[in-house]
Amino acid sequence: MDLPLYLEPRLDTRLASLLEATGFLHALAGGLGSPLNVVLPDQIAENLARFRAVYRRHHLSGEVFFAHKANRSSALVRRLAATDVGAGMDVASLGELQHALGAGFTSGQIMATGPKSPEFLWLAARSGVAVNVDGRGELDDLAAVVRRYDLPRVRILLRLSSFSSPGVRLLTRMSQFGTPVGELDALLKAVERHQDAVDFMGVGYHLDTTSIAEKAVALEGCVLVMNECRSRGLEPRVIDVGGGFGVNCLSDGGQWDRYTTELTQAVMGNREALTWGRHGYGLRCEAGTLRGGLGLYPAHRPVAGERYLDALLSHPAPLLGRTLAAALLESLYDLYTEPGRALVDQCGLTLARVLEVRRTEDGDRMVRLEANADDIGLEEHAVLMDPVVIPRAGTRDAATDREPIGVYLTGNLCLETDLITRRMVFLPRLPQPGDLLGFANTAGYCMDFSADPGRERVQACDARRGTRDRAQVMRSVRVRAGLEPSRPSWHAPGAGRRARSPRPGDGAVRGPAHPTPAPNRPRPQPQSRPDSAHPPDHRRPPARHNRPGDRHPHRAGIRHHA
């Protein structure tokens, strides 16, 4: 047999310690079900401190905004809100904004980014958060909301795109976000026209690239735009470089190089298949020639996270003739960053229980998990990492089970496409039913990014008590742990509700706070409120159960497990 093509995950102290606590993890999965997301809130505070250290190294001021879309965990968001070094929240939806406000972030610590619905734009303006404006249309809509509801001026940044450099021309790649710098004049005229409604803070960009050279061109372009804004009498003070700092997923770069080389050989037909159905991850063989490009996340990135930011700030500006950090410092511009995946690096893992181990028609081993592809988003985001086998107590430990083996991981849906991984995963031993697989470092986009609200009320089956909703299972665990009071066995409708205070015109004797309408009697209609209390078109934001932090009660927050 060929040497196993391991892709072992990088494990820092906290995450490695947690994975060693096998009995504790099995107890969690037994009480809360599979799949189970486990987060480490103290790690996000440590990651934030590392980003702050880069600011201090370059003598820069500014803010670090966590890109909330990377993870919806209330435990992580609240831990950020409680940090001493200070953190902000980058919210890209109405639910994320509600979640950030409810977790304790003030309006001065929140920035709204991305495409914005009328309700999202209204609440952003109403709560006074900064708005990263994507174009003139959005700027006009925001100014209209401010004027219509007589709100204070809203702080804004202008998101730009399509930067270029002189000399050997280097273009930043095309982006669907932001206004091309070629249309800057019309955009600034719109800002000047809306000065009664908006407070212009600065400019920024959002580039989906790992290239430091491309981002250096964009950052220098923003510095030049800021200078032009000053010449027009505006007073910008902030440059936002967005996110895309990345993480280093693997512990060994040699494993990554070897796997990608062997994958290429398998696509060319020079060795046995390494993927289900000979999937090539973007590569293909046409008449003996390799075509396409490898569409995988660069899992081994020594320069990632805060190191990537440090490298960007240390990079020479192509036109200004000095480092980008020096260009920011000499103009006294604040630096805003929006790390997502990088800020939740090593912040958690996903546990999935093994349901079945079987052989395919071709003789390959297939391991079916009590989870599906949407629960573990590594494959969706093209991140290749091996899971960690967490054996249950008393698992059969035959000599053959301790040999390295390649397996395919499949989900529990009746869909041929429900593959946890398309590639063959090499493990140090064959898992057994009842074992857990721990997928490390999934907190960035791979826990709940693809969660479907319609499927979140998963039914947990208990052979002795019948089928119960997962929320009920979790609540019983919390009650037994003394974290929540138990309810009486009966709960009458309206019981425990507080009656409203008497109002003028009420009789001396009042009935129940919420009386049941008599038959054939119309229900009382709610009184209308002033327009300022409603979002546009009198549509209220989604109810509390639609908030991101409330969607996933099965995520456990653990600060540290020694």
Protein backbone atom coordinates (compact mmCIF):
# COMPACT_ATOMS: atom_id res chain seq x y z
CA MET A 1 0.00 0.00 0.00
CA ASP A 2 1.20 3.55 -0.79
CA LEU A 3 2.02 5.85 2.10
CA PRO A 4 -1.16 7.48 3.45
CA LEU A 5 -1.74 11.03 2.19
CA TYR A 6 -2.43 12.66 5.52
CA LEU A 7 -3.58 16.29 5.80
CA GLU A 8 -3.24 16.71 9.54
CA PRO A 9 -4.86 19.84 11.01
CA ARG A 10 -2.85 22.43 12.90
CA LEU A 11 -3.87 22.29 16.57
CA ASP A 12 -2.92 25.02 19.03
CA THR A 13 -2.89 24.42 22.78
CA ARG A 14 -6.57 24.96 23.57
CA LEU A 15 -7.93 22.93 20.68
CA ALA A 16 -5.42 20.10 21.18
CA SER A 17 -6.29 19.93 24.88
CA LEU A 18 -9.99 19.73 24.07
CA LEU A 19 -9.52 16.90 21.57
CA GLU A 20 -7.58 14.91 24.16
CA ALA A 21 -10.58 14.97 26.52
CA THR A 22 -12.33 12.09 24.76
CA GLY A 23 -14.70 11.23 27.59
CA PHE A 24 -15.81 14.85 27.92
CA LEU A 25 -16.50 15.15 24.19
CA HIS A 26 -18.52 11.92 24.13
CA ALA A 27 -20.55 13.20 27.08
CA LEU A 28 -21.28 16.44 25.23
CA ALA A 29 -22.33 14.64 22.05
CA GLY A 30 -24.39 12.17 24.07
CA GLY A 31 -26.30 14.96 25.80
CA LEU A 32 -26.61 17.46 22.96
CA GLY A 33 -26.62 15.26 19.87
CA SER A 34 -24.68 14.98 16.62
CA PRO A 35 -23.49 17.05 14.86
CA LEU A 36 -22.27 19.33 17.61
CA ASN A 37 -20.34 22.58 17.26
CA VAL A 38 -18.01 23.41 20.16
CA VAL A 39 -16.45 26.87 20.41
CA LEU A 40 -13.62 28.27 22.55
CA PRO A 41 -14.47 31.92 23.28
CA ASP A 42 -11.16 32.84 24.96
CA GLN A 43 -9.30 31.99 21.74
CA ILE A 44 -11.05 34.75 19.80
CA ALA A 45 -9.91 37.29 22.41
CA GLU A 46 -6.34 36.04 22.01
CA ASN A 47 -6.55 36.31 18.22
CA LEU A 48 -7.86 39.86 18.54
CA ALA A 49 -4.92 40.79 20.76
CA ARG A 50 -2.53 39.54 18.05
CA PHE A 51 -4.13 41.81 15.46
CA ARG A 52 -3.93 44.72 17.90
CA ALA A 53 -0.22 44.02 18.39
CA VAL A 54 0.34 44.57 14.65
CA TYR A 55 -1.35 47.98 14.92
CA ARG A 56 1.01 48.91 17.77
CA ARG A 57 4.07 47.63 15.90
CA HIS A 58 3.33 50.03 13.05
CA HIS A 59 2.13 52.86 15.38
CA LEU A 60 -1.32 52.89 13.78
CA SER A 61 -4.69 53.60 15.32
CA GLY A 62 -8.01 52.19 14.18
CA GLU A 63 -10.47 49.35 14.76
CA VAL A 64 -10.68 45.60 14.23
CA PHE A 65 -14.19 44.52 13.16
CA PHE A 66 -15.09 40.82 13.36
CA ALA A 67 -16.87 39.69 10.17
CA HIS A 68 -19.93 38.22 11.86
CA LYS A 69 -20.92 36.09 8.87
CA ALA A 70 -17.98 33.79 9.61
CA ASN A 71 -19.73 32.43 12.74
CA ARG A 72 -23.07 33.06 14.45
CA SER A 73 -22.10 31.87 17.92
CA SER A 74 -23.43 34.07 20.72
CA ALA A 75 -20.59 32.82 22.94
CA LEU A 76 -17.97 34.21 20.56
CA VAL A 77 -19.80 37.49 19.96
CA ARG A 78 -20.34 38.16 23.65
CA ARG A 79 -16.73 37.33 24.45
CA LEU A 80 -15.63 39.91 21.90
CA ALA A 81 -17.98 42.48 23.40
CA ALA A 82 -16.33 41.91 26.79
CA THR A 83 -12.71 42.24 25.66
CA ASP A 84 -10.53 44.92 27.21
CA VAL A 85 -8.61 45.72 24.03
CA GLY A 86 -11.78 46.69 22.17
CA ALA A 87 -13.38 45.10 19.13
CA GLY A 88 -16.02 45.95 16.58
CA MET A 89 -18.55 43.95 14.59
CA ASP A 90 -18.89 43.87 10.81
CA VAL A 91 -22.52 42.93 10.16
CA ALA A 92 -23.80 42.00 6.71
CA SER A 93 -27.48 41.35 7.39
CA LEU A 94 -30.40 42.54 9.50
CA GLY A 95 -30.14 39.49 11.77
CA GLU A 96 -26.44 40.03 12.36
CA LEU A 97 -27.04 43.67 13.30
CA GLN A 98 -29.76 42.67 15.76
CA HIS A 99 -27.48 40.01 17.22
CA ALA A 100 -24.56 42.43 17.68
CA LEU A 101 -26.75 45.02 19.40
CA GLY A 102 -28.28 42.37 21.64
CA ALA A 103 -24.83 41.01 22.58
CA GLY A 104 -23.70 44.33 24.02
CA PHE A 105 -21.98 46.13 21.16
CA THR A 106 -22.70 49.85 20.95
CA SER A 107 -23.54 51.57 17.67
CA GLY A 108 -20.04 53.07 17.58
CA GLN A 109 -18.57 49.55 17.50
CA ILE A 110 -20.65 48.24 14.58
CA MET A 111 -20.24 48.66 10.83
CA ALA A 112 -22.83 47.54 8.27
CA THR A 113 -21.38 46.10 5.06
CA GLY A 114 -22.51 44.16 2.01
CA PRO A 115 -25.81 44.42 0.08
CA LYS A 116 -28.52 45.93 2.28
CA SER A 117 -32.26 45.36 2.33
CA PRO A 118 -34.55 48.34 3.17
CA GLU A 119 -35.08 46.92 6.66
CA PHE A 120 -31.34 46.45 7.22
CA LEU A 121 -30.58 49.97 5.99
CA TRP A 122 -33.33 51.45 8.19
CA LEU A 123 -32.13 49.75 11.37
CA ALA A 124 -28.52 50.68 10.61
CA ALA A 125 -29.50 54.34 10.30
CA ARG A 126 -31.90 54.19 13.25
CA SER A 127 -29.29 52.67 15.59
CA GLY A 128 -26.47 54.94 14.40
CA VAL A 129 -23.97 52.35 13.17
CA ALA A 130 -21.41 53.14 10.46
CA VAL A 131 -22.44 52.10 6.95
CA ASN A 132 -19.99 50.88 4.30
CA VAL A 133 -21.74 52.18 1.18
CA ASP A 134 -21.46 50.05 -1.95
CA GLY A 135 -22.59 52.59 -4.56
CA ARG A 136 -24.50 55.77 -5.38
CA GLY A 137 -27.87 54.06 -5.30
CA GLU A 138 -27.32 52.81 -1.78
CA LEU A 139 -26.06 56.24 -0.71
CA ASP A 140 -29.22 57.88 -2.07
CA ASP A 141 -31.41 55.31 -0.29
CA LEU A 142 -29.61 55.86 3.00
CA ALA A 143 -29.91 59.65 2.78
CA ALA A 144 -33.63 59.29 2.03
CA VAL A 145 -34.15 57.14 5.14
CA VAL A 146 -32.31 59.67 7.32
CA ARG A 147 -34.40 62.56 6.01
CA ARG A 148 -37.72 60.72 6.10
CA TYR A 149 -37.39 59.69 9.74
CA ASP A 150 -35.51 62.81 10.86
CA LEU A 151 -32.50 60.80 12.06
CA PRO A 152 -29.01 62.05 12.98
CA ARG A 153 -26.34 62.00 10.29
CA VAL A 154 -25.05 58.50 9.58
CA ARG A 155 -21.32 57.77 9.44
CA ILE A 156 -20.38 56.28 6.06
CA LEU A 157 -17.41 54.81 4.23
CA LEU A 158 -17.27 54.43 0.44
CA ARG A 159 -16.29 51.00 -0.84
CA LEU A 160 -14.19 51.24 -4.02
CA SER A 161 -12.92 48.73 -6.60
CA SER A 162 -10.94 48.37 -9.87
CA PHE A 163 -7.65 49.87 -8.74
CA SER A 164 -4.57 49.94 -10.97
CA SER A 165 -0.87 50.79 -10.63
CA PRO A 166 1.45 52.68 -12.96
CA GLY A 167 4.53 51.30 -14.71
CA VAL A 168 4.32 47.52 -15.00
CA ARG A 169 0.56 47.59 -14.79
CA LEU A 170 -0.97 45.53 -12.01
CA LEU A 171 -4.75 45.39 -11.83
CA THR A 172 -6.77 44.28 -8.86
CA ARG A 173 -9.15 41.52 -9.84
CA MET A 174 -12.76 42.32 -10.73
CA SER A 175 -15.12 42.61 -7.77
CA GLN A 176 -18.90 42.77 -7.62
CA PHE A 177 -18.57 45.02 -4.56
CA GLY A 178 -17.82 48.73 -4.49
CA THR A 179 -17.70 51.58 -7.00
CA PRO A 180 -14.92 51.61 -9.63
CA VAL A 181 -12.39 54.36 -8.91
CA GLY A 182 -13.06 55.67 -12.42
CA GLU A 183 -16.52 56.77 -11.17
CA LEU A 184 -15.15 58.48 -8.06
CA ASP A 185 -16.07 62.02 -9.12
CA ALA A 186 -19.78 61.26 -9.44
CA LEU A 187 -19.71 59.38 -6.12
CA LEU A 188 -18.08 62.28 -4.26
CA LYS A 189 -20.59 64.71 -5.78
CA ALA A 190 -23.34 62.53 -4.29
CA VAL A 191 -21.59 62.67 -0.91
CA GLU A 192 -21.43 66.47 -1.10
CA ARG A 193 -25.11 66.59 -2.03
CA HIS A 194 -26.05 64.48 1.01
CA GLN A 195 -23.85 66.14 3.61
CA ASP A 196 -26.93 66.99 5.70
CA ALA A 197 -27.66 63.24 6.03
CA VAL A 198 -24.26 61.52 6.10
CA ASP A 199 -20.89 61.99 7.80
CA PHE A 200 -18.17 60.94 5.33
CA MET A 201 -15.47 59.00 7.24
CA GLY A 202 -13.32 57.49 4.51
CA VAL A 203 -12.96 54.78 1.88
CA GLY A 204 -12.14 51.07 1.66
CA TYR A 205 -12.18 47.98 -0.53
CA HIS A 206 -13.16 44.30 -0.49
CA LEU A 207 -10.89 42.00 -2.52
CA ASP A 208 -11.22 38.21 -2.67
CA THR A 209 -7.55 37.44 -3.20
CA THR A 210 -4.56 36.15 -1.26
CA SER A 211 -2.15 38.33 -3.25
CA ILE A 212 -0.42 40.94 -1.07
CA ALA A 213 0.68 42.78 -4.24
CA GLU A 214 -2.94 43.24 -5.38
CA LYS A 215 -4.03 44.47 -1.98
CA ALA A 216 -1.04 46.85 -1.84
CA VAL A 217 -2.26 48.45 -5.07
CA ALA A 218 -5.76 48.82 -3.60
CA LEU A 219 -4.50 50.27 -0.30
CA GLU A 220 -2.25 52.78 -2.06
CA GLY A 221 -5.19 53.70 -4.30
CA CYS A 222 -7.28 54.42 -1.21
CA VAL A 223 -4.54 56.71 0.18
CA LEU A 224 -4.52 58.67 -3.10
CA VAL A 225 -8.34 58.90 -3.07
CA MET A 226 -8.26 60.22 0.50
CA ASN A 227 -5.87 62.96 -0.60
CA GLU A 228 -8.22 63.91 -3.43
CA CYS A 229 -11.15 64.02 -1.00
CA ARG A 230 -9.22 66.46 1.19
CA SER A 231 -8.56 68.69 -1.79
CA ARG A 232 -12.35 68.92 -2.27
CA GLY A 233 -12.90 70.14 1.28
CA LEU A 234 -14.01 66.80 2.71
CA GLU A 235 -12.47 65.46 5.91
CA PRO A 236 -11.96 61.67 5.58
CA ARG A 237 -10.02 59.91 8.31
CA VAL A 238 -10.42 56.12 7.83
CA ILE A 239 -9.22 53.52 5.32
CA ASP A 240 -10.88 50.08 5.53
CA VAL A 241 -8.85 47.22 4.01
CA GLY A 242 -11.56 44.59 4.58
CA GLY A 243 -10.67 40.98 5.39
CA GLY A 244 -9.12 38.04 3.56
CA PHE A 245 -6.22 37.52 5.98
CA GLY A 246 -6.67 33.75 5.91
CA VAL A 247 -5.64 30.97 8.28
CA ASN A 248 -3.02 28.24 8.25
CA CYS A 249 -5.08 25.05 8.46
CA LEU A 250 -2.41 22.33 8.25
CA SER A 251 0.48 21.44 10.53
CA ASP A 252 2.80 20.26 7.73
CA GLY A 253 3.35 22.04 4.44
CA GLY A 254 5.01 18.96 3.00
CA GLN A 255 1.77 17.00 3.34
CA TRP A 256 -0.06 19.68 1.36
CA ASP A 257 2.52 19.68 -1.44
CA ARG A 258 2.51 15.89 -1.63
CA TYR A 259 -1.28 15.62 -1.69
CA THR A 260 -1.76 18.22 -4.44
CA THR A 261 0.96 16.51 -6.50
CA GLU A 262 -0.68 13.09 -6.12
CA LEU A 263 -4.10 14.57 -6.87
CA THR A 264 -2.75 15.88 -10.15
CA GLN A 265 -1.36 12.42 -10.97
CA ALA A 266 -4.75 10.85 -10.17
CA VAL A 267 -6.54 13.32 -12.48
CA MET A 268 -4.10 12.43 -15.24
CA GLY A 269 -4.81 8.74 -14.66
CA ASN A 270 -1.28 7.93 -13.50
CA ARG A 271 -2.42 6.49 -10.17
CA GLU A 272 -5.58 5.18 -8.52
CA ALA A 273 -8.38 7.65 -7.81
CA LEU A 274 -8.15 9.84 -4.71
CA THR A 275 -11.67 11.27 -4.94
CA TRP A 276 -15.24 10.08 -5.26
CA GLY A 277 -16.11 9.77 -8.96
CA ARG A 278 -12.64 11.06 -9.87
CA HIS A 279 -13.59 14.60 -8.89
CA GLY A 280 -10.66 16.86 -9.80
CA TYR A 281 -11.29 19.98 -7.67
CA GLY A 282 -11.09 22.09 -10.83
CA LEU A 283 -8.48 19.98 -12.65
CA ARG A 284 -9.30 17.78 -15.66
CA CYS A 285 -7.48 15.70 -18.21
CA GLU A 286 -8.16 16.40 -21.89
CA ALA A 287 -6.35 14.21 -24.43
CA GLY A 288 -3.49 13.61 -22.06
CA THR A 289 -3.13 17.32 -21.16
CA LEU A 290 -3.89 18.79 -17.73
CA ARG A 291 -6.49 21.56 -17.94
CA GLY A 292 -8.18 23.86 -15.47
CA GLY A 293 -6.97 25.19 -12.14
CA LEU A 294 -6.88 23.76 -8.64
CA GLY A 295 -9.91 25.26 -6.90
CA LEU A 296 -8.85 24.60 -3.31
CA TYR A 297 -8.29 26.89 -0.36
CA PRO A 298 -4.51 27.14 0.25
CA ALA A 299 -4.67 25.08 3.42
CA HIS A 300 -1.02 25.60 4.35
CA ARG A 301 -0.35 29.34 4.65
CA PRO A 302 2.54 30.24 6.95
CA VAL A 303 1.81 33.95 6.34
CA ALA A 304 -1.80 34.24 7.45
CA GLY A 305 -3.93 36.08 9.99
CA GLU A 306 -2.12 38.89 11.78
CA ARG A 307 1.11 37.93 9.95
CA TYR A 308 -0.60 38.66 6.65
CA LEU A 309 -1.67 42.10 7.91
CA ASP A 310 1.89 42.79 9.07
CA ALA A 311 3.25 41.78 5.64
CA LEU A 312 0.72 44.03 3.87
CA LEU A 313 1.58 47.07 5.99
CA SER A 314 5.31 46.40 5.50
CA HIS A 315 4.91 46.16 1.71
CA PRO A 316 6.22 49.14 -0.27
CA ALA A 317 3.59 51.26 -1.97
CA PRO A 318 4.17 51.03 -5.76
CA LEU A 319 3.83 54.79 -6.35
CA LEU A 320 4.43 56.51 -2.99
CA GLY A 321 7.89 55.04 -2.50
CA ARG A 322 7.50 54.01 1.14
CA THR A 323 5.74 51.31 3.11
CA LEU A 324 1.97 51.34 3.27
CA ALA A 325 2.11 51.68 7.06
CA ALA A 326 4.24 54.82 6.70
CA ALA A 327 1.81 56.25 4.14
CA LEU A 328 -1.06 55.78 6.59
CA LEU A 329 0.88 57.13 9.54
CA GLU A 330 2.13 60.31 7.94
CA SER A 331 -1.42 61.29 6.96
CA LEU A 332 -2.80 60.26 10.40
CA TYR A 333 -5.34 57.93 8.80
CA ASP A 334 -7.03 55.29 10.96
CA LEU A 335 -6.91 51.69 9.74
CA TYR A 336 -10.01 49.50 9.81
CA THR A 337 -9.76 45.73 9.26
CA GLU A 338 -12.52 43.10 8.98
CA PRO A 339 -11.03 39.67 9.75
CA GLY A 340 -13.50 36.80 9.75
CA ARG A 341 -11.88 33.38 9.39
CA ALA A 342 -8.61 34.77 10.85
CA LEU A 343 -10.28 36.01 14.04
CA VAL A 344 -11.94 32.65 14.77
CA ASP A 345 -8.84 30.60 13.92
CA GLN A 346 -8.56 27.65 16.37
CA CYS A 347 -11.82 28.75 18.01
CA GLY A 348 -13.74 25.50 17.72
CA LEU A 349 -14.50 22.13 16.22
CA THR A 350 -17.43 20.10 14.92
CA LEU A 351 -18.20 16.65 16.30
CA ALA A 352 -20.03 14.00 14.28
CA ARG A 353 -20.90 10.48 15.41
CA VAL A 354 -20.09 7.46 13.23
CA LEU A 355 -23.26 5.60 12.27
CA GLU A 356 -22.00 2.94 9.91
CA VAL A 357 -18.81 1.58 8.35
CA ARG A 358 -19.17 -0.41 5.15
CA ARG A 359 -17.49 -1.30 1.87
CA THR A 360 -18.50 0.10 -1.49
CA GLU A 361 -18.94 -1.98 -4.63
CA ASP A 362 -15.35 -1.12 -5.58
CA GLY A 363 -14.06 -2.28 -2.21
CA ASP A 364 -13.45 1.19 -0.75
CA ARG A 365 -14.35 1.90 2.87
CA MET A 366 -17.25 4.29 3.47
CA VAL A 367 -17.97 5.87 6.86
CA ARG A 368 -21.47 7.29 7.31
CA LEU A 369 -21.81 10.08 9.88
CA GLU A 370 -24.72 11.42 11.88
CA ALA A 371 -24.41 14.73 10.03
CA ASN A 372 -24.73 16.01 6.49
CA ALA A 373 -22.64 18.13 4.14
CA ASP A 374 -24.36 21.36 5.23
CA ASP A 375 -23.39 20.72 8.86
CA ILE A 376 -19.66 20.48 8.12
CA GLY A 377 -18.75 23.10 5.53
CA LEU A 378 -15.12 22.20 4.88
CA GLU A 379 -15.83 20.69 1.48
CA GLU A 380 -18.12 23.55 0.44
CA HIS A 381 -15.33 26.05 1.13
CA ALA A 382 -12.70 23.78 -0.50
CA VAL A 383 -10.77 23.35 2.76
CA LEU A 384 -9.04 19.97 2.97
CA MET A 385 -8.21 18.75 6.50
CA ASP A 386 -8.35 15.34 8.12
CA PRO A 387 -10.74 14.81 11.04
CA VAL A 388 -9.50 13.42 14.35
CA VAL A 389 -10.84 10.01 15.43
CA ILE A 390 -12.23 10.16 18.98
CA PRO A 391 -12.88 6.54 20.01
CA ARG A 392 -15.61 5.76 22.50
CA ALA A 393 -14.78 3.77 25.61
CA GLY A 394 -14.74 0.02 24.91
CA THR A 395 -14.38 0.34 21.14
CA ARG A 396 -12.94 -2.82 19.58
CA ASP A 397 -9.21 -2.26 19.11
CA ALA A 398 -8.13 -5.00 16.74
CA ALA A 399 -4.71 -4.82 15.12
CA THR A 400 -6.26 -4.14 11.70
CA ASP A 401 -8.17 -1.16 13.14
CA ARG A 402 -4.90 0.50 14.10
CA GLU A 403 -3.52 0.50 10.57
CA PRO A 404 -3.75 3.65 8.40
CA ILE A 405 -6.70 3.45 6.05
CA GLY A 406 -8.37 5.59 3.40
CA VAL A 407 -12.13 6.16 3.75
CA TYR A 408 -14.88 8.22 2.18
CA LEU A 409 -17.06 10.23 4.60
CA THR A 410 -20.75 10.44 3.74
CA GLY A 411 -23.75 12.12 5.35
CA ASN A 412 -27.07 10.90 6.68
CA LEU A 413 -29.32 12.28 3.92
CA CYS A 414 -30.76 10.08 1.20
CA LEU A 415 -28.87 12.03 -1.44
CA GLU A 416 -26.03 10.76 -3.57
CA THR A 417 -24.50 14.23 -3.33
CA ASP A 418 -24.41 14.20 0.48
CA LEU A 419 -20.66 13.74 0.79
CA ILE A 420 -18.86 15.20 3.79
CA THR A 421 -15.68 14.96 1.72
CA ARG A 422 -15.29 14.18 -1.98
CA ARG A 423 -11.72 13.07 -1.40
CA MET A 424 -10.54 9.88 0.24
CA VAL A 425 -9.56 10.79 3.81
CA PHE A 426 -6.64 8.91 5.33
CA LEU A 427 -7.02 8.10 9.03
CA PRO A 428 -4.60 6.38 11.43
CA ARG A 429 -7.25 3.78 12.27
CA LEU A 430 -10.61 2.61 11.00
CA PRO A 431 -13.44 4.31 12.93
CA GLN A 432 -16.16 2.17 14.51
CA PRO A 433 -19.89 2.92 14.97
CA GLY A 434 -20.25 5.07 18.06
CA ASP A 435 -16.88 6.79 17.62
CA LEU A 436 -16.76 10.52 17.05
CA LEU A 437 -14.91 12.35 14.32
CA GLY A 438 -13.67 15.77 15.37
CA PHE A 439 -13.34 18.27 12.51
CA ALA A 440 -10.92 20.85 13.88
CA ASN A 441 -10.89 24.58 13.22
CA THR A 442 -14.34 24.80 11.64
CA ALA A 443 -15.36 28.04 13.40
CA GLY A 444 -14.58 30.12 10.30
CA TYR A 445 -17.45 29.67 7.81
CA CYS A 446 -17.58 25.87 8.25
CA MET A 447 -19.97 25.54 11.21
CA ASP A 448 -23.21 27.34 10.40
CA PHE A 449 -22.56 29.41 7.29
CA SER A 450 -24.81 27.16 5.16
CA ALA A 451 -27.35 26.42 7.88
CA ASP A 452 -30.92 26.22 6.61
CA PRO A 453 -33.43 27.71 9.11
CA GLY A 454 -36.07 25.33 7.79
CA ARG A 455 -34.05 22.30 8.89
CA GLU A 456 -32.71 23.59 12.18
CA ARG A 457 -35.41 22.11 14.42
CA VAL A 458 -33.85 18.68 14.05
CA GLN A 459 -35.67 15.86 15.75
CA ALA A 460 -33.53 13.93 18.26
CA CYS A 461 -34.66 10.33 18.67
CA ASP A 462 -34.60 8.76 22.14
CA ALA A 463 -35.45 5.04 22.09
CA ARG A 464 -36.81 5.08 25.65
CA ARG A 465 -38.77 8.33 25.57
CA GLY A 466 -39.80 8.59 21.95
CA THR A 467 -38.95 11.43 19.60
CA ARG A 468 -38.24 14.83 21.10
CA ASP A 469 -37.23 18.15 19.65
CA ARG A 470 -33.53 18.90 20.07
CA ALA A 471 -34.37 22.09 21.99
CA GLN A 472 -36.23 19.97 24.54
CA VAL A 473 -33.26 17.62 24.84
CA MET A 474 -30.93 20.51 25.47
CA ARG A 475 -33.22 22.12 27.97
CA SER A 476 -33.39 18.92 30.00
CA VAL A 477 -29.58 18.85 30.06
CA ARG A 478 -29.49 22.46 31.31
CA VAL A 479 -32.07 21.74 33.98
CA ARG A 480 -30.12 18.71 35.25
CA ALA A 481 -26.98 20.85 35.33
CA GLY A 482 -28.76 23.52 37.39
CA LEU A 483 -28.42 26.13 34.64
CA GLU A 484 -32.16 26.61 34.17
CA PRO A 485 -35.15 26.23 36.53
CA SER A 486 -37.55 23.42 35.83
CA ARG A 487 -41.11 24.19 34.73
CA PRO A 488 -44.23 22.68 36.28
CA SER A 489 -45.67 19.72 34.43
CA TRP A 490 -48.53 21.88 33.26
CA HIS A 491 -48.41 25.34 31.72
CA ALA A 492 -51.70 27.10 31.19
CA PRO A 493 -51.92 29.51 28.27
CA GLY A 494 -51.02 32.98 29.50
CA ALA A 495 -49.62 31.67 32.79
CA GLY A 496 -46.80 33.78 34.15
CA ARG A 497 -47.53 36.73 31.90
CA ARG A 498 -47.43 40.16 33.47
CA ALA A 499 -50.59 42.23 33.23
CA ARG A 500 -50.17 45.72 31.84
CA SER A 501 -50.61 48.74 34.07
CA PRO A 502 -54.10 50.34 34.26
CA ARG A 503 -54.75 53.05 31.72
CA PRO A 504 -57.11 56.02 31.82
CA GLY A 505 -60.61 54.88 31.01
CA ASP A 506 -60.09 51.36 32.35
CA GLY A 507 -62.74 50.06 34.74
CA ALA A 508 -62.01 49.49 38.43
CA VAL A 509 -62.11 45.73 37.92
CA ARG A 510 -59.93 44.24 35.21
CA GLY A 511 -60.01 40.86 33.60
CA PRO A 512 -57.01 38.79 32.53
CA ALA A 513 -54.10 40.54 30.89
CA HIS A 514 -54.82 38.64 27.64
CA PRO A 515 -58.55 37.78 27.55
CA THR A 516 -59.80 35.24 25.04
CA PRO A 517 -62.17 36.87 22.54
CA ALA A 518 -65.74 35.67 22.78
CA PRO A 519 -67.18 33.65 19.89
CA ASN A 520 -68.12 35.75 16.84
CA ARG A 521 -66.47 38.79 18.42
CA PRO A 522 -63.71 40.39 16.37
CA ARG A 523 -60.27 40.32 17.91
CA PRO A 524 -58.93 43.70 19.08
CA GLN A 525 -56.67 45.31 16.49
CA PRO A 526 -53.30 46.73 17.53
CA GLN A 527 -53.08 50.51 17.66
CA SER A 528 -51.00 52.13 14.96
CA ARG A 529 -47.71 53.75 15.90
CA PRO A 530 -45.89 56.74 14.45
CA ASP A 531 -43.95 56.10 11.26
CA SER A 532 -40.66 56.62 13.09
CA ALA A 533 -41.23 53.42 15.06
CA HIS A 534 -41.46 51.29 11.94
CA PRO A 535 -39.00 50.32 9.24
CA PRO A 536 -39.89 51.24 5.64
CA ASP A 537 -43.34 50.06 4.49
CA HIS A 538 -44.27 49.44 8.15
CA ARG A 539 -42.60 46.05 8.12
CA ARG A 540 -40.98 45.01 11.35
CA PRO A 541 -37.61 43.24 11.43
CA PRO A 542 -37.76 39.44 11.84
CA ALA A 543 -38.78 38.06 15.21
CA ARG A 544 -36.19 37.17 17.84
CA HIS A 545 -36.08 33.49 16.86
CA ASN A 546 -34.66 34.53 13.50
CA ARG A 547 -31.59 36.11 15.08
CA PRO A 548 -28.37 34.34 14.16
CA GLY A 549 -27.33 33.66 17.74
CA ASP A 550 -30.66 32.04 18.55
CA ARG A 551 -30.66 29.63 15.63
CA HIS A 552 -28.11 27.23 16.99
CA PRO A 553 -28.85 26.35 20.61
CA HIS A 554 -26.86 23.11 20.16
CA ARG A 555 -23.55 24.99 19.99
CA ALA A 556 -21.67 24.66 23.28
CA GLY A 557 -19.42 27.49 24.42
CA ILE A 558 -16.32 26.34 26.30
CA ARG A 559 -13.72 28.76 27.56
CA HIS A 560 -10.90 26.29 28.20
CA HIS A 561 -10.59 22.64 29.04
CA ALA A 562 -7.19 21.70 30.51
